[in-house]
N, C-alpha and C. Protein backbone atom coordinates (compact mmCIF):
# COMPACT_ATOMS: atom_id res chain seq x y z
N MET A 1 0.62 -1.10 -0.29
CA MET A 1 0.11 -0.31 0.02
C MET A 1 0.89 1.43 -0.34
N THR A 2 0.28 2.09 -0.88
CA THR A 2 1.36 3.06 -1.28
C THR A 2 0.13 4.40 -0.84
N LEU A 3 0.64 5.56 0.38
CA LEU A 3 -0.45 6.12 1.04
C LEU A 3 0.46 7.47 -0.13
N GLU A 4 -0.78 8.14 -0.60
CA GLU A 4 -0.48 9.71 -0.81
C GLU A 4 -0.98 10.98 0.13
N LEU A 5 0.23 11.35 0.92
CA LEU A 5 -0.27 11.81 2.19
C LEU A 5 0.44 13.45 1.49
N ALA A 6 0.24 14.30 2.80
CA ALA A 6 1.00 15.69 2.56
C ALA A 6 2.51 15.49 2.25
N ASP A 7 3.44 16.31 1.65
CA ASP A 7 4.96 16.30 2.04
C ASP A 7 5.21 16.99 3.26
N ARG A 8 5.20 16.37 4.56
CA ARG A 8 5.32 17.11 5.66
C ARG A 8 6.55 15.61 6.44
N GLN A 9 7.37 16.05 6.92
CA GLN A 9 8.36 15.06 8.05
C GLN A 9 7.68 15.39 9.38
N LEU A 10 7.77 14.26 10.14
CA LEU A 10 7.45 14.26 11.36
C LEU A 10 7.84 15.62 12.48
N GLU A 11 9.26 15.66 11.91
CA GLU A 11 9.95 16.82 12.59
C GLU A 11 9.51 18.21 12.28
N ASP A 12 8.64 18.32 11.29
CA ASP A 12 7.78 19.54 11.18
C ASP A 12 6.91 20.19 12.01
N VAL A 13 6.28 18.58 13.06
CA VAL A 13 4.88 19.14 13.78
C VAL A 13 5.31 18.82 15.51
N VAL A 14 6.22 17.53 15.59
CA VAL A 14 6.83 17.20 16.60
C VAL A 14 8.02 17.54 16.87
N SER A 15 8.53 17.35 18.66
CA SER A 15 10.01 17.78 18.75
C SER A 15 10.65 16.11 18.32
N LYS A 16 11.82 16.62 18.29
CA LYS A 16 13.20 15.32 17.90
C LYS A 16 12.11 14.01 18.82
N ARG A 17 12.29 14.45 20.26
CA ARG A 17 11.77 12.93 20.82
C ARG A 17 10.81 12.45 20.47
N ALA A 18 9.97 13.10 20.23
CA ALA A 18 8.78 12.74 20.31
C ALA A 18 8.76 11.86 18.56
N ALA A 19 9.45 12.33 17.31
CA ALA A 19 9.40 11.52 16.61
C ALA A 19 10.08 10.53 16.79
N ALA A 20 10.90 10.55 17.45
CA ALA A 20 11.76 9.13 17.49
C ALA A 20 11.23 8.19 18.84
N ARG A 21 10.19 8.55 19.55
CA ARG A 21 9.29 7.68 19.88
C ARG A 21 8.25 7.40 18.67
N LEU A 22 7.74 7.85 18.23
CA LEU A 22 7.13 7.58 16.84
C LEU A 22 7.69 6.06 16.32
N ARG A 23 9.12 6.99 15.63
CA ARG A 23 9.24 5.71 15.40
C ARG A 23 9.90 4.05 16.31
N ALA A 24 10.11 4.31 17.02
CA ALA A 24 9.93 3.57 17.99
C ALA A 24 8.79 2.81 18.16
N PHE A 25 7.63 3.37 18.45
CA PHE A 25 6.37 2.64 18.49
C PHE A 25 6.38 1.84 17.05
N ARG A 26 6.42 2.41 16.18
CA ARG A 26 6.52 1.67 14.87
C ARG A 26 7.13 0.46 14.48
N ARG A 27 7.92 0.68 15.43
CA ARG A 27 9.37 -0.87 15.54
C ARG A 27 8.50 -1.59 16.23
N ASP A 28 7.79 -0.94 17.70
CA ASP A 28 7.10 -2.19 18.17
C ASP A 28 6.01 -3.35 17.20
N ALA A 29 5.10 -2.27 16.69
CA ALA A 29 3.96 -2.93 16.19
C ALA A 29 4.31 -3.61 15.09
N GLU A 30 5.44 -3.33 14.27
CA GLU A 30 6.27 -4.26 13.19
C GLU A 30 6.46 -5.54 13.74
N ARG A 31 7.14 -5.40 15.06
CA ARG A 31 7.77 -7.10 15.85
C ARG A 31 6.51 -7.49 16.10
N LEU A 32 5.51 -6.87 16.45
CA LEU A 32 4.65 -7.43 17.36
C LEU A 32 3.48 -7.71 15.89
N LEU A 33 3.34 -7.27 15.38
CA LEU A 33 2.41 -7.72 13.70
C LEU A 33 3.43 -8.05 12.83
N PRO A 34 4.30 -8.99 12.52
CA PRO A 34 5.39 -9.05 11.42
C PRO A 34 4.39 -9.29 10.41
N GLY A 35 5.35 -8.57 9.48
CA GLY A 35 4.88 -8.65 7.96
C GLY A 35 3.50 -8.20 7.63
N ARG A 36 2.93 -7.48 8.58
CA ARG A 36 1.04 -7.05 8.29
C ARG A 36 1.41 -6.00 8.25
N VAL A 37 2.30 -4.92 9.15
CA VAL A 37 2.39 -3.24 9.15
C VAL A 37 2.66 -2.65 7.99
N THR A 38 1.67 -2.21 7.12
CA THR A 38 2.11 -1.56 5.72
C THR A 38 2.70 0.05 6.03
N GLU A 39 1.85 0.70 6.78
CA GLU A 39 2.31 2.32 7.08
C GLU A 39 1.57 2.57 8.41
N VAL A 40 2.10 3.35 9.15
CA VAL A 40 1.86 4.33 10.16
C VAL A 40 1.87 5.34 9.85
N VAL A 41 1.19 5.93 10.31
CA VAL A 41 0.26 7.32 10.29
C VAL A 41 -0.07 8.25 11.37
N LEU A 42 0.84 9.51 11.61
CA LEU A 42 0.23 10.61 12.52
C LEU A 42 -1.00 11.16 12.05
N PHE A 43 -1.89 11.47 12.80
CA PHE A 43 -2.82 12.40 12.77
C PHE A 43 -3.74 12.66 13.22
N GLY A 44 -4.15 13.80 13.65
CA GLY A 44 -5.01 14.73 14.73
C GLY A 44 -4.26 15.78 14.73
N SER A 45 -4.60 16.17 16.12
CA SER A 45 -3.91 17.52 16.23
C SER A 45 -2.31 17.77 16.23
N ARG A 46 -1.50 16.97 16.58
CA ARG A 46 -0.44 16.65 16.50
C ARG A 46 0.02 17.00 14.70
N ALA A 47 -0.58 16.34 14.04
CA ALA A 47 -0.56 16.28 12.73
C ALA A 47 -0.89 17.90 12.46
N ARG A 48 -1.83 18.41 12.68
CA ARG A 48 -2.39 19.91 11.90
C ARG A 48 -1.32 20.24 12.34
N GLY A 49 -0.78 20.55 13.61
CA GLY A 49 -0.02 21.28 14.55
C GLY A 49 -0.98 21.93 15.25
N GLU A 50 -2.07 21.62 15.62
CA GLU A 50 -3.06 22.20 16.95
C GLU A 50 -2.93 21.76 18.13
N ALA A 51 -1.71 21.05 18.52
CA ALA A 51 -1.79 20.23 19.55
C ALA A 51 -1.64 21.10 20.89
N ARG A 52 -2.26 20.72 21.96
CA ARG A 52 -2.02 21.17 23.54
C ARG A 52 -0.88 20.63 23.81
N ARG A 53 -0.28 21.02 25.17
CA ARG A 53 0.93 20.22 26.00
C ARG A 53 0.29 18.63 26.25
N ASP A 54 -0.81 18.37 26.48
CA ASP A 54 -1.22 17.41 26.89
C ASP A 54 -1.91 16.82 25.91
N SER A 55 -1.73 17.04 24.85
CA SER A 55 -2.74 16.08 23.53
C SER A 55 -1.99 14.96 23.33
N ASP A 56 -2.48 13.87 22.68
CA ASP A 56 -2.06 12.34 22.53
C ASP A 56 -1.43 12.27 21.09
N TYR A 57 -0.85 11.58 20.52
CA TYR A 57 -0.53 10.99 19.72
C TYR A 57 -1.34 10.16 18.43
N ASP A 58 -1.80 10.53 17.94
CA ASP A 58 -3.17 9.74 17.33
C ASP A 58 -2.40 9.04 16.05
N VAL A 59 -2.54 7.56 16.51
CA VAL A 59 -1.75 7.08 15.18
C VAL A 59 -2.40 6.10 15.01
N ALA A 60 -2.46 6.12 13.36
CA ALA A 60 -3.37 4.56 12.57
C ALA A 60 -1.99 4.15 11.98
N VAL A 61 -2.14 2.83 12.60
CA VAL A 61 -1.42 1.84 12.17
C VAL A 61 -2.44 0.78 10.71
N PHE A 62 -1.84 0.85 9.67
CA PHE A 62 -2.51 -0.14 8.66
C PHE A 62 -1.62 -1.58 8.48
N VAL A 63 -2.37 -2.59 8.75
CA VAL A 63 -2.55 -3.78 8.91
C VAL A 63 -3.19 -4.50 7.45
N GLU A 64 -1.96 -5.34 7.18
CA GLU A 64 -2.80 -6.33 5.95
C GLU A 64 -3.37 -7.41 6.51
N GLY A 65 -4.34 -7.84 6.00
CA GLY A 65 -5.21 -9.10 6.83
C GLY A 65 -6.23 -8.82 7.53
N LEU A 66 -6.18 -7.71 7.73
CA LEU A 66 -6.53 -7.28 9.21
C LEU A 66 -8.36 -7.27 8.57
N GLU A 67 -9.16 -8.49 9.97
CA GLU A 67 -10.43 -8.48 9.57
C GLU A 67 -11.48 -8.22 10.99
N GLU A 68 -10.68 -7.88 12.15
CA GLU A 68 -11.12 -7.32 13.41
C GLU A 68 -10.49 -6.06 13.93
N SER A 69 -10.80 -5.20 13.66
CA SER A 69 -9.55 -3.98 14.57
C SER A 69 -9.36 -3.97 15.99
N TRP A 70 -10.35 -4.54 16.49
CA TRP A 70 -10.28 -3.74 18.30
C TRP A 70 -9.19 -5.04 18.55
N PRO A 71 -9.41 -6.52 18.40
CA PRO A 71 -8.01 -7.02 19.17
C PRO A 71 -6.90 -6.23 18.38
N THR A 72 -6.62 -6.24 17.91
CA THR A 72 -5.39 -5.78 17.19
C THR A 72 -4.62 -4.01 17.31
N THR A 73 -5.85 -3.47 17.90
CA THR A 73 -5.71 -2.32 18.72
C THR A 73 -5.56 -2.59 20.21
N ARG A 74 -5.71 -3.25 20.54
CA ARG A 74 -5.85 -3.56 22.18
C ARG A 74 -3.96 -3.89 21.61
N VAL A 75 -3.54 -4.48 20.99
CA VAL A 75 -2.26 -4.83 21.35
C VAL A 75 -1.19 -3.74 21.14
N LEU A 76 -1.68 -3.07 20.53
CA LEU A 76 -1.09 -1.90 20.01
C LEU A 76 -1.31 -0.74 21.21
N VAL A 77 -2.35 -0.95 21.75
CA VAL A 77 -2.44 -0.18 22.93
C VAL A 77 -1.44 -0.53 23.85
N GLU A 78 -1.40 -1.73 23.91
CA GLU A 78 -0.92 -2.69 24.68
C GLU A 78 1.00 -2.08 24.59
N ALA A 79 1.37 -2.22 23.39
CA ALA A 79 3.04 -1.80 23.37
C ALA A 79 2.86 -0.17 23.12
N SER A 80 1.90 0.55 23.34
CA SER A 80 2.68 2.20 23.65
C SER A 80 2.76 2.50 25.11
N TYR A 81 2.15 1.45 25.94
CA TYR A 81 2.67 1.68 27.43
C TYR A 81 3.69 2.21 27.52
N PRO A 82 5.09 1.35 27.27
CA PRO A 82 6.10 2.04 28.04
C PRO A 82 6.60 3.45 27.10
N HIS A 83 6.01 3.93 26.42
CA HIS A 83 6.09 5.31 25.35
C HIS A 83 4.99 6.28 26.54
N LEU A 84 3.73 5.45 26.76
CA LEU A 84 3.23 6.43 27.88
C LEU A 84 3.96 6.41 29.26
N VAL A 85 4.39 6.16 29.86
CA VAL A 85 5.38 5.70 31.08
C VAL A 85 6.62 7.25 30.82
N LYS A 86 6.74 6.75 29.66
CA LYS A 86 7.41 8.21 29.49
C LYS A 86 7.78 9.77 29.06
N GLY A 87 5.97 9.39 29.10
CA GLY A 87 5.28 10.98 28.39
C GLY A 87 4.64 11.54 27.36
N TYR A 88 4.76 9.72 26.44
CA TYR A 88 4.37 10.18 24.89
C TYR A 88 2.68 9.19 25.26
N TYR A 89 1.82 9.82 25.02
CA TYR A 89 0.53 9.06 25.05
C TYR A 89 0.21 9.15 23.53
N ILE A 90 0.45 7.94 23.38
CA ILE A 90 0.39 7.18 21.81
C ILE A 90 -1.26 6.34 21.46
N SER A 91 -1.92 7.41 21.24
CA SER A 91 -3.46 6.41 20.75
C SER A 91 -2.92 5.70 19.73
N PRO A 92 -3.07 4.66 19.79
CA PRO A 92 -3.28 4.09 18.20
C PRO A 92 -4.27 2.99 17.94
N VAL A 93 -4.61 3.34 16.24
CA VAL A 93 -5.76 2.75 16.04
C VAL A 93 -5.40 1.69 14.52
N ALA A 94 -6.24 0.33 14.77
CA ALA A 94 -5.66 -0.66 13.62
C ALA A 94 -6.48 -0.39 12.74
N LEU A 95 -5.98 0.04 11.45
CA LEU A 95 -7.26 -0.63 10.13
C LEU A 95 -6.69 -1.26 9.15
N PRO A 96 -7.49 -1.81 8.55
CA PRO A 96 -7.13 -2.38 6.96
C PRO A 96 -6.10 -1.71 6.55
N SER A 97 -4.91 -2.88 5.44
CA SER A 97 -4.33 -1.57 4.96
C SER A 97 -4.95 -1.17 3.60
N ASP A 98 -6.07 -1.01 3.21
CA ASP A 98 -6.85 -0.60 2.13
C ASP A 98 -7.59 0.42 3.20
N PHE A 99 -8.11 0.99 3.73
CA PHE A 99 -8.84 1.70 4.24
C PHE A 99 -8.83 3.35 3.88
N ILE A 100 -7.91 3.26 3.85
CA ILE A 100 -7.61 5.22 2.62
C ILE A 100 -8.93 4.91 1.52
N ALA A 101 -8.31 3.68 0.56
CA ALA A 101 -8.65 3.64 -0.77
C ALA A 101 -10.12 3.47 -0.79
N ARG A 102 -10.80 3.24 0.55
CA ARG A 102 -12.21 2.90 0.46
C ARG A 102 -12.99 4.18 0.85
N LYS A 103 -12.27 4.96 1.20
CA LYS A 103 -13.07 6.31 1.80
C LYS A 103 -14.49 6.00 2.66
N GLU A 104 -14.51 5.09 3.00
CA GLU A 104 -16.08 4.74 3.84
C GLU A 104 -16.27 5.70 4.80
N ALA A 105 -15.07 6.52 5.61
CA ALA A 105 -15.58 6.82 7.12
C ALA A 105 -14.97 8.49 6.88
N ALA A 106 -15.23 9.00 7.66
CA ALA A 106 -14.61 10.21 7.79
C ALA A 106 -12.98 9.97 7.92
N LEU A 107 -12.79 9.70 9.45
CA LEU A 107 -11.75 9.04 9.91
C LEU A 107 -10.85 9.31 8.34
N ALA A 108 -11.00 8.31 7.34
CA ALA A 108 -10.27 8.06 6.17
C ALA A 108 -10.15 9.47 5.42
N TYR A 109 -11.08 10.14 5.50
CA TYR A 109 -10.43 11.14 5.07
C TYR A 109 -9.60 12.32 5.36
N ALA A 110 -9.54 12.33 7.02
CA ALA A 110 -9.11 13.61 8.24
C ALA A 110 -7.48 13.05 7.82
N ILE A 111 -7.08 11.59 7.69
CA ILE A 111 -5.71 10.70 7.82
C ILE A 111 -5.41 11.24 6.65
N ALA A 112 -6.39 10.99 5.12
CA ALA A 112 -5.93 11.47 4.32
C ALA A 112 -5.15 12.66 4.05
N ARG A 113 -5.72 13.74 4.51
CA ARG A 113 -6.04 15.24 4.18
C ARG A 113 -4.47 15.76 5.48
N GLU A 114 -4.52 14.78 6.58
CA GLU A 114 -3.61 15.75 7.32
C GLU A 114 -2.69 15.06 7.86
N GLY A 115 -2.42 13.66 7.87
CA GLY A 115 -1.71 12.61 7.98
C GLY A 115 -0.22 12.69 7.51
N ILE A 116 0.54 12.53 8.90
CA ILE A 116 2.09 12.56 7.87
C ILE A 116 2.63 10.94 7.99
N LYS A 117 3.26 9.92 7.58
CA LYS A 117 4.08 9.06 7.61
C LYS A 117 5.06 8.99 8.82
N VAL A 118 5.09 7.81 9.76
CA VAL A 118 6.17 7.43 10.73
C VAL A 118 6.81 6.39 9.50
N PRO A 119 8.12 6.83 9.28
CA PRO A 119 8.80 5.91 9.05
C PRO A 119 9.62 4.78 10.17
């Protein structure tokens, strides 16, 4: 899956430390879901540059072969805990790898409009 998103980098909207945490979270997700994570995208207030100091980091994790979102989201939430302890509230949601292409939900449009890839 190749997402066409705005040409912005994480460091354009979050601190270097936050960007490093988001990249580490991506590695954690890839370790827990080997060969299934197709993309990780920051969206929401942090991606728009409208975040408050206490805002969370909304992260869409696109997963190949995802049938039910909640069990996988729960695994990702557990993976986000070490980052929470360090002060980075990563709020992940697991989505099918073709979620954006289907354009069935307002969330798909929001991610496509404001999302920033987490490399």
